[in-house]
Amino acid sequence: MDYVQIALVLPSGDKRDWLLAELSEMGFESFQEEDDQLIVFHPQADWDQGMLAISFRDLAEQQNLSWSVATIGAQNWNALWESNFSPIRVGDFCGIRADFHPPQTNIQYEIVINPEMAFGTGHHATTHMMIELMSGIVFTQKKVLDYGTGTGVLALLASFLGSVIIDAVDIEKAAFENTQKNAQRNQVDNIRVIHGTLESVVDAGYQIILANINRNVILDTLPALRNKIEANGILLVSGILQQDQEQVEQAAIQAGFILKGQLVRNGCVGMVFSCA
């Protein structure tokens, strides 16, 4: 699979965080922020055949942004990623690195990944917030669903935190395959990886559901997520713009959830819900 690489000249000040949030809402999941540039990636097929390219161009014109587009072949992805990827640290709780980086010190949990065309490394605010939120939740002996698993980072962390069963689902074939490899890389054997949508997850009775996707998918699937979670279970969601927080919160309440906490980072919101 080929990917579109878009390099944007970053605006200064508050607009930088706003831009990151807007691009996240449009479905861009891989971000590389440099001194004066933001580099984002998206599958080329979706870019060429959908409305995404038009929406992006409208956004760039409205904000007077300079940008350029290039195509990155699948065979070039690892070299590109390795040249730009730096280790991530979420306090002293969790670190994420590649196998070519040295281990981090003074950290509770360390995850080793190689994206291989799948997204979700922890660099983006939404994943970072999910990890922060997970640090305050008891996972021991819990059954967990990672909805939109990407590289499997959150599923792997759930395993390290003591979950007994983790189902990780993603609609992208690259994510499905990459999560399997990253589980092996981290010597984790209790993650069941599923290729498909939420409907592909036939099990239920989850005590914790992790949903780091985007507003539209979360809004569309809140009732189905409620049916898959146990009474008193916990739902963590991210990938939500601050401006959409109230809409998502109200929809979650209607689906039977209660807001228990939240985090805000770079114009995005992460929220913790429990079952009503």
C-alpha atoms as a PDB file:
ATOM      1  CA  MET A   1       0.000   0.000   0.000  1.00  0.00           C
ATOM      2  CA  ASP A   2       1.284   3.464  -0.914  1.00  0.00           C
ATOM      3  CA  TYR A   3       0.823   6.459   1.359  1.00  0.00           C
ATOM      4  CA  VAL A   4       0.405  10.171   0.758  1.00  0.00           C
ATOM      5  CA  GLN A   5       2.915  12.278   2.659  1.00  0.00           C
ATOM      6  CA  ILE A   6       1.879  15.895   3.211  1.00  0.00           C
ATOM      7  CA  ALA A   7       4.371  18.436   4.533  1.00  0.00           C
ATOM      8  CA  LEU A   8       2.799  21.580   5.995  1.00  0.00           C
ATOM      9  CA  VAL A   9       4.550  24.756   7.052  1.00  0.00           C
ATOM     10  CA  LEU A  10       3.349  25.106  10.616  1.00  0.00           C
ATOM     11  CA  PRO A  11       1.582  28.242  11.824  1.00  0.00           C
ATOM     12  CA  SER A  12       2.721  29.733  15.103  1.00  0.00           C
ATOM     13  CA  GLY A  13       0.945  30.032  18.437  1.00  0.00           C
ATOM     14  CA  ASP A  14      -2.458  28.543  19.208  1.00  0.00           C
ATOM     15  CA  LYS A  15      -3.145  27.703  15.558  1.00  0.00           C
ATOM     16  CA  ARG A  16      -0.570  24.930  15.701  1.00  0.00           C
ATOM     17  CA  ASP A  17      -2.555  22.930  18.258  1.00  0.00           C
ATOM     18  CA  TRP A  18      -5.797  23.714  16.443  1.00  0.00           C
ATOM     19  CA  LEU A  19      -4.345  22.425  13.177  1.00  0.00           C
ATOM     20  CA  LEU A  20      -3.221  19.168  14.784  1.00  0.00           C
ATOM     21  CA  ALA A  21      -6.710  18.671  16.186  1.00  0.00           C
ATOM     22  CA  GLU A  22      -8.383  19.406  12.838  1.00  0.00           C
ATOM     23  CA  LEU A  23      -6.145  16.996  10.948  1.00  0.00           C
ATOM     24  CA  SER A  24      -6.817  14.321  13.533  1.00  0.00           C
ATOM     25  CA  GLU A  25     -10.548  14.761  13.019  1.00  0.00           C
ATOM     26  CA  MET A  26     -10.024  14.361   9.262  1.00  0.00           C
ATOM     27  CA  GLY A  27      -8.474  10.941   9.836  1.00  0.00           C
ATOM     28  CA  PHE A  28      -4.749  11.638   9.720  1.00  0.00           C
ATOM     29  CA  GLU A  29      -3.148   9.463  12.384  1.00  0.00           C
ATOM     30  CA  SER A  30       0.600   9.645  11.836  1.00  0.00           C
ATOM     31  CA  PHE A  31       2.216  12.975  12.674  1.00  0.00           C
ATOM     32  CA  GLN A  32       5.846  14.043  12.585  1.00  0.00           C
ATOM     33  CA  GLU A  33       6.391  17.537  13.963  1.00  0.00           C
ATOM     34  CA  GLU A  34       9.656  19.230  13.054  1.00  0.00           C
ATOM     35  CA  ASP A  35      10.960  22.766  13.664  1.00  0.00           C
ATOM     36  CA  ASP A  36       8.675  24.518  11.220  1.00  0.00           C
ATOM     37  CA  GLN A  37       6.889  21.625   9.546  1.00  0.00           C
ATOM     38  CA  LEU A  38       4.175  19.104  10.261  1.00  0.00           C
ATOM     39  CA  ILE A  39       4.368  15.915   8.199  1.00  0.00           C
ATOM     40  CA  VAL A  40       1.250  13.742   8.045  1.00  0.00           C
ATOM     41  CA  PHE A  41       0.428  10.465   6.308  1.00  0.00           C
ATOM     42  CA  HIS A  42      -2.689   8.876   4.861  1.00  0.00           C
ATOM     43  CA  PRO A  43      -3.342   5.825   2.630  1.00  0.00           C
ATOM     44  CA  GLN A  44      -3.189   6.987  -0.984  1.00  0.00           C
ATOM     45  CA  ALA A  45      -6.323   5.097  -2.070  1.00  0.00           C
ATOM     46  CA  ASP A  46      -8.471   6.940   0.471  1.00  0.00           C
ATOM     47  CA  TRP A  47      -6.858  10.229  -0.466  1.00  0.00           C
ATOM     48  CA  ASP A  48      -7.431   9.823  -4.209  1.00  0.00           C
ATOM     49  CA  GLN A  49     -10.930   8.340  -4.131  1.00  0.00           C
ATOM     50  CA  GLY A  50     -12.652  10.206  -1.325  1.00  0.00           C
ATOM     51  CA  MET A  51     -13.489  13.716  -0.222  1.00  0.00           C
ATOM     52  CA  LEU A  52     -10.469  13.927   2.070  1.00  0.00           C
ATOM     53  CA  ALA A  53      -8.209  15.618  -0.481  1.00  0.00           C
ATOM     54  CA  ILE A  54     -10.855  18.262  -1.197  1.00  0.00           C
ATOM     55  CA  SER A  55     -11.471  18.862   2.516  1.00  0.00           C
ATOM     56  CA  PHE A  56      -7.748  19.157   3.183  1.00  0.00           C
ATOM     57  CA  ARG A  57      -7.211  21.595   0.331  1.00  0.00           C
ATOM     58  CA  ASP A  58     -10.129  23.729   1.554  1.00  0.00           C
ATOM     59  CA  LEU A  59      -8.627  23.789   5.052  1.00  0.00           C
ATOM     60  CA  ALA A  60      -5.189  24.746   3.732  1.00  0.00           C
ATOM     61  CA  GLU A  61      -6.602  27.544   1.592  1.00  0.00           C
ATOM     62  CA  GLN A  62      -8.786  28.916   4.396  1.00  0.00           C
ATOM     63  CA  GLN A  63      -5.828  29.039   6.781  1.00  0.00           C
ATOM     64  CA  ASN A  64      -3.356  30.226   4.105  1.00  0.00           C
ATOM     65  CA  LEU A  65      -1.085  27.215   4.703  1.00  0.00           C
ATOM     66  CA  SER A  66       1.817  26.235   2.482  1.00  0.00           C
ATOM     67  CA  TRP A  67       2.018  22.509   1.796  1.00  0.00           C
ATOM     68  CA  SER A  68       3.395  19.856  -0.536  1.00  0.00           C
ATOM     69  CA  VAL A  69       2.410  16.280  -1.339  1.00  0.00           C
ATOM     70  CA  ALA A  70       4.558  13.240  -2.100  1.00  0.00           C
ATOM     71  CA  THR A  71       3.839   9.513  -2.441  1.00  0.00           C
ATOM     72  CA  ILE A  72       5.618   7.102  -0.106  1.00  0.00           C
ATOM     73  CA  GLY A  73       5.723   3.489  -1.228  1.00  0.00           C
ATOM     74  CA  ALA A  74       5.242   0.728   1.318  1.00  0.00           C
ATOM     75  CA  GLN A  75       8.811  -0.428   0.741  1.00  0.00           C
ATOM     76  CA  ASN A  76      10.130   2.982   1.855  1.00  0.00           C
ATOM     77  CA  TRP A  77       8.012   3.311   4.999  1.00  0.00           C
ATOM     78  CA  ASN A  78      10.340   1.673   7.512  1.00  0.00           C
ATOM     79  CA  ALA A  79      13.357   3.703   6.432  1.00  0.00           C
ATOM     80  CA  LEU A  80      11.316   6.905   6.598  1.00  0.00           C
ATOM     81  CA  TRP A  81       9.865   6.005   9.983  1.00  0.00           C
ATOM     82  CA  GLU A  82      13.222   5.016  11.464  1.00  0.00           C
ATOM     83  CA  SER A  83      14.770   8.297  10.348  1.00  0.00           C
ATOM     84  CA  ASN A  84      12.076  10.338  12.143  1.00  0.00           C
ATOM     85  CA  PHE A  85      10.867   8.212  15.060  1.00  0.00           C
ATOM     86  CA  SER A  86      12.060   9.185  18.531  1.00  0.00           C
ATOM     87  CA  PRO A  87      11.225   7.406  21.806  1.00  0.00           C
ATOM     88  CA  ILE A  88       8.126   8.570  23.689  1.00  0.00           C
ATOM     89  CA  ARG A  89       7.780   8.898  27.437  1.00  0.00           C
ATOM     90  CA  VAL A  90       4.554   9.473  29.384  1.00  0.00           C
ATOM     91  CA  GLY A  91       5.965  10.562  32.725  1.00  0.00           C
ATOM     92  CA  ASP A  92       7.547   7.645  34.558  1.00  0.00           C
ATOM     93  CA  PHE A  93       4.554   5.449  33.680  1.00  0.00           C
ATOM     94  CA  CYS A  94       5.074   4.300  30.093  1.00  0.00           C
ATOM     95  CA  GLY A  95       7.721   4.532  27.404  1.00  0.00           C
ATOM     96  CA  ILE A  96       7.446   3.591  23.728  1.00  0.00           C
ATOM     97  CA  ARG A  97      10.488   2.935  21.574  1.00  0.00           C
ATOM     98  CA  ALA A  98      11.705   0.970  18.572  1.00  0.00           C
ATOM     99  CA  ASP A  99      13.987  -2.023  18.894  1.00  0.00           C
ATOM    100  CA  PHE A 100      16.908   0.049  17.579  1.00  0.00           C
ATOM    101  CA  HIS A 101      16.596   2.476  20.528  1.00  0.00           C
ATOM    102  CA  PRO A 102      18.263   1.730  23.880  1.00  0.00           C
ATOM    103  CA  PRO A 103      15.913   0.831  26.767  1.00  0.00           C
ATOM    104  CA  GLN A 104      14.552   3.726  28.796  1.00  0.00           C
ATOM    105  CA  THR A 105      15.408   3.981  32.480  1.00  0.00           C
ATOM    106  CA  ASN A 106      13.260   4.714  35.548  1.00  0.00           C
ATOM    107  CA  ILE A 107      10.000   3.787  33.842  1.00  0.00           C
ATOM    108  CA  GLN A 108       7.288   1.325  34.873  1.00  0.00           C
ATOM    109  CA  TYR A 109       6.302  -0.082  31.486  1.00  0.00           C
ATOM    110  CA  GLU A 110       8.133  -0.025  28.188  1.00  0.00           C
ATOM    111  CA  ILE A 111       6.617  -0.991  24.831  1.00  0.00           C
ATOM    112  CA  VAL A 112       8.739  -1.826  21.788  1.00  0.00           C
ATOM    113  CA  ILE A 113       7.029  -1.323  18.425  1.00  0.00           C
ATOM    114  CA  ASN A 114       7.669  -1.128  14.697  1.00  0.00           C
ATOM    115  CA  PRO A 115       4.710   0.509  12.887  1.00  0.00           C
ATOM    116  CA  GLU A 116       5.222  -1.120   9.441  1.00  0.00           C
ATOM    117  CA  MET A 117       2.599   1.112   7.763  1.00  0.00           C
ATOM    118  CA  ALA A 118       0.248   1.009  10.773  1.00  0.00           C
ATOM    119  CA  PHE A 119      -0.433   4.148  12.793  1.00  0.00           C
ATOM    120  CA  GLY A 120      -0.487   4.874  16.506  1.00  0.00           C
ATOM    121  CA  THR A 121       2.963   5.364  18.012  1.00  0.00           C
ATOM    122  CA  GLY A 122       2.080   7.537  20.994  1.00  0.00           C
ATOM    123  CA  HIS A 123       3.375  10.756  19.444  1.00  0.00           C
ATOM    124  CA  HIS A 124      -0.101  12.081  18.809  1.00  0.00           C
ATOM    125  CA  ALA A 125      -2.017  13.771  21.634  1.00  0.00           C
ATOM    126  CA  THR A 126      -4.916  11.310  21.499  1.00  0.00           C
ATOM    127  CA  THR A 127      -2.747   8.242  22.148  1.00  0.00           C
ATOM    128  CA  HIS A 128      -0.708  10.106  24.749  1.00  0.00           C
ATOM    129  CA  MET A 129      -3.910  10.982  26.645  1.00  0.00           C
ATOM    130  CA  MET A 130      -5.175   7.408  26.476  1.00  0.00           C
ATOM    131  CA  ILE A 131      -1.977   6.240  28.130  1.00  0.00           C
ATOM    132  CA  GLU A 132      -2.292   8.925  30.808  1.00  0.00           C
ATOM    133  CA  LEU A 133      -5.894   7.896  31.496  1.00  0.00           C
ATOM    134  CA  MET A 134      -4.957   4.221  31.636  1.00  0.00           C
ATOM    135  CA  SER A 135      -2.439   4.982  34.385  1.00  0.00           C
ATOM    136  CA  GLY A 136      -5.316   5.724  36.770  1.00  0.00           C
ATOM    137  CA  ILE A 137      -7.364   2.575  36.057  1.00  0.00           C
ATOM    138  CA  VAL A 138      -7.044  -0.924  37.521  1.00  0.00           C
ATOM    139  CA  PHE A 139      -6.575  -3.454  34.703  1.00  0.00           C
ATOM    140  CA  THR A 140      -5.672  -6.465  36.831  1.00  0.00           C
ATOM    141  CA  GLN A 141      -7.672  -9.555  35.796  1.00  0.00           C
ATOM    142  CA  LYS A 142      -9.868  -7.434  33.488  1.00  0.00           C
ATOM    143  CA  LYS A 143     -11.240  -8.281  30.057  1.00  0.00           C
ATOM    144  CA  VAL A 144     -10.407  -5.470  27.620  1.00  0.00           C
ATOM    145  CA  LEU A 145     -11.417  -4.406  24.110  1.00  0.00           C
ATOM    146  CA  ASP A 146      -9.047  -2.130  22.178  1.00  0.00           C
ATOM    147  CA  TYR A 147     -11.266  -0.653  19.472  1.00  0.00           C
ATOM    148  CA  GLY A 148      -9.160   0.742  16.616  1.00  0.00           C
ATOM    149  CA  THR A 149      -5.908  -0.759  17.843  1.00  0.00           C
ATOM    150  CA  GLY A 150      -3.468   0.697  15.261  1.00  0.00           C
ATOM    151  CA  THR A 151      -0.028  -0.588  16.229  1.00  0.00           C
ATOM    152  CA  GLY A 152      -1.435  -2.320  19.313  1.00  0.00           C
ATOM    153  CA  VAL A 153       0.204   0.058  21.802  1.00  0.00           C
ATOM    154  CA  LEU A 154      -2.826   0.343  24.095  1.00  0.00           C
ATOM    155  CA  ALA A 155      -3.575  -3.383  23.952  1.00  0.00           C
ATOM    156  CA  LEU A 156       0.030  -4.123  24.875  1.00  0.00           C
ATOM    157  CA  LEU A 157      -0.102  -1.689  27.782  1.00  0.00           C
ATOM    158  CA  ALA A 158      -3.357  -3.291  28.986  1.00  0.00           C
ATOM    159  CA  SER A 159      -1.570  -6.649  29.011  1.00  0.00           C
ATOM    160  CA  PHE A 160       1.379  -5.236  30.957  1.00  0.00           C
ATOM    161  CA  LEU A 161      -1.108  -3.775  33.451  1.00  0.00           C
ATOM    162  CA  GLY A 162      -2.511  -7.222  34.206  1.00  0.00           C
ATOM    163  CA  SER A 163      -5.478  -7.738  31.880  1.00  0.00           C
ATOM    164  CA  VAL A 164      -6.239 -11.420  31.308  1.00  0.00           C
ATOM    165  CA  ILE A 165      -7.979 -11.124  27.918  1.00  0.00           C
ATOM    166  CA  ILE A 166      -7.508  -8.351  25.371  1.00  0.00           C
ATOM    167  CA  ASP A 167      -9.345  -8.240  22.051  1.00  0.00           C
ATOM    168  CA  ALA A 168      -7.784  -5.762  19.613  1.00  0.00           C
ATOM    169  CA  VAL A 169      -9.727  -4.872  16.470  1.00  0.00           C
ATOM    170  CA  ASP A 170      -8.892  -2.668  13.504  1.00  0.00           C
ATOM    171  CA  ILE A 171     -10.398  -2.249  10.056  1.00  0.00           C
ATOM    172  CA  GLU A 172      -6.969  -1.765   8.458  1.00  0.00           C
ATOM    173  CA  LYS A 173      -5.139  -4.926   7.380  1.00  0.00           C
ATOM    174  CA  ALA A 174      -1.779  -3.271   8.092  1.00  0.00           C
ATOM    175  CA  ALA A 175      -2.835  -2.573  11.676  1.00  0.00           C
ATOM    176  CA  PHE A 176      -4.090  -6.133  12.151  1.00  0.00           C
ATOM    177  CA  GLU A 177      -0.793  -7.607  10.973  1.00  0.00           C
ATOM    178  CA  ASN A 178       1.356  -5.064  12.796  1.00  0.00           C
ATOM    179  CA  THR A 179      -0.386  -5.609  16.139  1.00  0.00           C
ATOM    180  CA  GLN A 180       0.297  -9.341  15.841  1.00  0.00           C
ATOM    181  CA  LYS A 181       3.988  -8.665  15.209  1.00  0.00           C
ATOM    182  CA  ASN A 182       4.250  -6.127  18.020  1.00  0.00           C
ATOM    183  CA  ALA A 183       2.635  -8.583  20.429  1.00  0.00           C
ATOM    184  CA  GLN A 184       5.305 -11.140  19.530  1.00  0.00           C
ATOM    185  CA  ARG A 185       7.982  -8.467  19.783  1.00  0.00           C
ATOM    186  CA  ASN A 186       6.870  -7.708  23.366  1.00  0.00           C
ATOM    187  CA  GLN A 187       6.366 -11.403  24.270  1.00  0.00           C
ATOM    188  CA  VAL A 188       2.643 -10.875  24.901  1.00  0.00           C
ATOM    189  CA  ASP A 189       0.377 -13.851  24.179  1.00  0.00           C
ATOM    190  CA  ASN A 190      -3.022 -12.812  25.544  1.00  0.00           C
ATOM    191  CA  ILE A 191      -4.065 -10.403  22.767  1.00  0.00           C
ATOM    192  CA  ARG A 192      -6.605 -11.695  20.237  1.00  0.00           C
ATOM    193  CA  VAL A 193      -6.234  -9.545  17.126  1.00  0.00           C
ATOM    194  CA  ILE A 194      -9.312  -9.116  14.916  1.00  0.00           C
ATOM    195  CA  HIS A 195      -9.375  -7.680  11.396  1.00  0.00           C
ATOM    196  CA  GLY A 196     -12.660  -5.829  10.827  1.00  0.00           C
ATOM    197  CA  THR A 197     -15.168  -3.433  12.325  1.00  0.00           C
ATOM    198  CA  LEU A 198     -16.828  -3.507  15.744  1.00  0.00           C
ATOM    199  CA  GLU A 199     -19.373  -5.906  14.253  1.00  0.00           C
ATOM    200  CA  SER A 200     -16.510  -8.364  13.757  1.00  0.00           C
ATOM    201  CA  VAL A 201     -16.094  -8.557  17.534  1.00  0.00           C
ATOM    202  CA  VAL A 202     -18.527 -11.316  18.489  1.00  0.00           C
ATOM    203  CA  ASP A 203     -17.612 -11.373  22.174  1.00  0.00           C
ATOM    204  CA  ALA A 204     -19.028  -9.112  24.905  1.00  0.00           C
ATOM    205  CA  GLY A 205     -18.770  -8.708  28.670  1.00  0.00           C
ATOM    206  CA  TYR A 206     -15.765  -6.391  28.508  1.00  0.00           C
ATOM    207  CA  GLN A 207     -14.869  -4.593  31.700  1.00  0.00           C
ATOM    208  CA  ILE A 208     -12.762  -1.938  29.970  1.00  0.00           C
ATOM    209  CA  ILE A 209     -13.085  -0.618  26.405  1.00  0.00           C
ATOM    210  CA  LEU A 210     -10.411   1.592  24.829  1.00  0.00           C
ATOM    211  CA  ALA A 211     -11.638   3.618  21.838  1.00  0.00           C
ATOM    212  CA  ASN A 212      -9.002   5.905  20.368  1.00  0.00           C
ATOM    213  CA  ILE A 213     -10.579   6.594  16.975  1.00  0.00           C
ATOM    214  CA  ASN A 214     -12.466   9.751  15.982  1.00  0.00           C
ATOM    215  CA  ARG A 215     -15.695  11.551  16.739  1.00  0.00           C
ATOM    216  CA  ASN A 216     -17.845  10.086  13.972  1.00  0.00           C
ATOM    217  CA  VAL A 217     -16.922   6.468  14.635  1.00  0.00           C
ATOM    218  CA  ILE A 218     -17.403   6.900  18.377  1.00  0.00           C
ATOM    219  CA  LEU A 219     -20.777   8.589  17.930  1.00  0.00           C
ATOM    220  CA  ASP A 220     -21.937   5.854  15.554  1.00  0.00           C
ATOM    221  CA  THR A 221     -20.899   2.995  17.817  1.00  0.00           C
ATOM    222  CA  LEU A 222     -21.657   4.211  21.357  1.00  0.00           C
ATOM    223  CA  PRO A 223     -24.836   2.085  21.660  1.00  0.00           C
ATOM    224  CA  ALA A 224     -22.979  -0.993  20.391  1.00  0.00           C
ATOM    225  CA  LEU A 225     -20.110  -0.324  22.793  1.00  0.00           C
ATOM    226  CA  ARG A 226     -22.602  -0.088  25.653  1.00  0.00           C
ATOM    227  CA  ASN A 227     -23.947  -3.526  24.723  1.00  0.00           C
ATOM    228  CA  LYS A 228     -20.455  -4.982  24.850  1.00  0.00           C
ATOM    229  CA  ILE A 229     -19.469  -3.621  28.252  1.00  0.00           C
ATOM    230  CA  GLU A 230     -20.329  -5.040  31.676  1.00  0.00           C
ATOM    231  CA  ALA A 231     -22.244  -3.121  34.323  1.00  0.00           C
ATOM    232  CA  ASN A 232     -19.856  -0.729  36.088  1.00  0.00           C
ATOM    233  CA  GLY A 233     -17.419  -1.120  33.196  1.00  0.00           C
ATOM    234  CA  ILE A 234     -15.155   1.671  31.987  1.00  0.00           C
ATOM    235  CA  LEU A 235     -15.014   3.275  28.525  1.00  0.00           C
ATOM    236  CA  LEU A 236     -12.028   5.425  27.545  1.00  0.00           C
ATOM    237  CA  VAL A 237     -12.398   7.512  24.390  1.00  0.00           C
ATOM    238  CA  SER A 238     -10.031   9.844  22.587  1.00  0.00           C
ATOM    239  CA  GLY A 239      -9.645  11.326  19.130  1.00  0.00           C
ATOM    240  CA  ILE A 240     -12.203  14.017  20.057  1.00  0.00           C
ATOM    241  CA  LEU A 241     -11.741  17.713  19.329  1.00  0.00           C
ATOM    242  CA  GLN A 242     -12.461  20.055  22.231  1.00  0.00           C
ATOM    243  CA  GLN A 243     -15.212  21.688  20.201  1.00  0.00           C
ATOM    244  CA  ASP A 244     -16.971  18.294  19.893  1.00  0.00           C
ATOM    245  CA  GLN A 245     -16.662  17.312  23.536  1.00  0.00           C
ATOM    246  CA  GLU A 246     -20.213  18.261  24.542  1.00  0.00           C
ATOM    247  CA  GLN A 247     -21.732  16.418  21.560  1.00  0.00           C
ATOM    248  CA  VAL A 248     -19.850  13.219  22.408  1.00  0.00           C
ATOM    249  CA  GLU A 249     -20.612  13.526  26.113  1.00  0.00           C
ATOM    250  CA  GLN A 250     -24.355  13.937  25.494  1.00  0.00           C
ATOM    251  CA  ALA A 251     -24.405  11.003  23.076  1.00  0.00           C
ATOM    252  CA  ALA A 252     -22.568   8.862  25.621  1.00  0.00           C
ATOM    253  CA  ILE A 253     -25.087   9.786  28.324  1.00  0.00           C
ATOM    254  CA  GLN A 254     -27.947   8.814  26.006  1.00  0.00           C
ATOM    255  CA  ALA A 255     -26.222   5.484  25.361  1.00  0.00           C
ATOM    256  CA  GLY A 256     -26.024   4.787  29.100  1.00  0.00           C
ATOM    257  CA  PHE A 257     -22.624   6.140  30.164  1.00  0.00           C
ATOM    258  CA  ILE A 258     -21.599   8.649  32.853  1.00  0.00           C
ATOM    259  CA  LEU A 259     -18.622  10.985  32.435  1.00  0.00           C
ATOM    260  CA  LYS A 260     -16.062  10.412  35.200  1.00  0.00           C
ATOM    261  CA  GLY A 261     -13.035  12.384  34.045  1.00  0.00           C
ATOM    262  CA  GLN A 262     -11.225  13.995  31.142  1.00  0.00           C
ATOM    263  CA  LEU A 263      -7.910  15.285  29.822  1.00  0.00           C
ATOM    264  CA  VAL A 264      -7.202  18.014  27.265  1.00  0.00           C
ATOM    265  CA  ARG A 265      -4.077  18.116  25.111  1.00  0.00           C
ATOM    266  CA  ASN A 266      -3.320  20.014  21.887  1.00  0.00           C
ATOM    267  CA  GLY A 267      -6.970  20.802  21.239  1.00  0.00           C
ATOM    268  CA  CYS A 268      -8.083  17.184  21.731  1.00  0.00           C
ATOM    269  CA  VAL A 269     -10.017  15.595  24.585  1.00  0.00           C
ATOM    270  CA  GLY A 270      -9.754  12.196  26.224  1.00  0.00           C
ATOM    271  CA  MET A 271     -12.676  11.088  28.383  1.00  0.00           C
ATOM    272  CA  VAL A 272     -13.391   8.365  30.918  1.00  0.00           C
ATOM    273  CA  PHE A 273     -16.957   7.042  31.187  1.00  0.00           C
ATOM    274  CA  SER A 274     -18.547   4.421  33.406  1.00  0.00           C
ATOM    275  CA  CYS A 275     -21.788   2.560  32.805  1.00  0.00           C
ATOM    276  CA  ALA A 276     -24.955   4.136  34.202  1.00  0.00           C
END
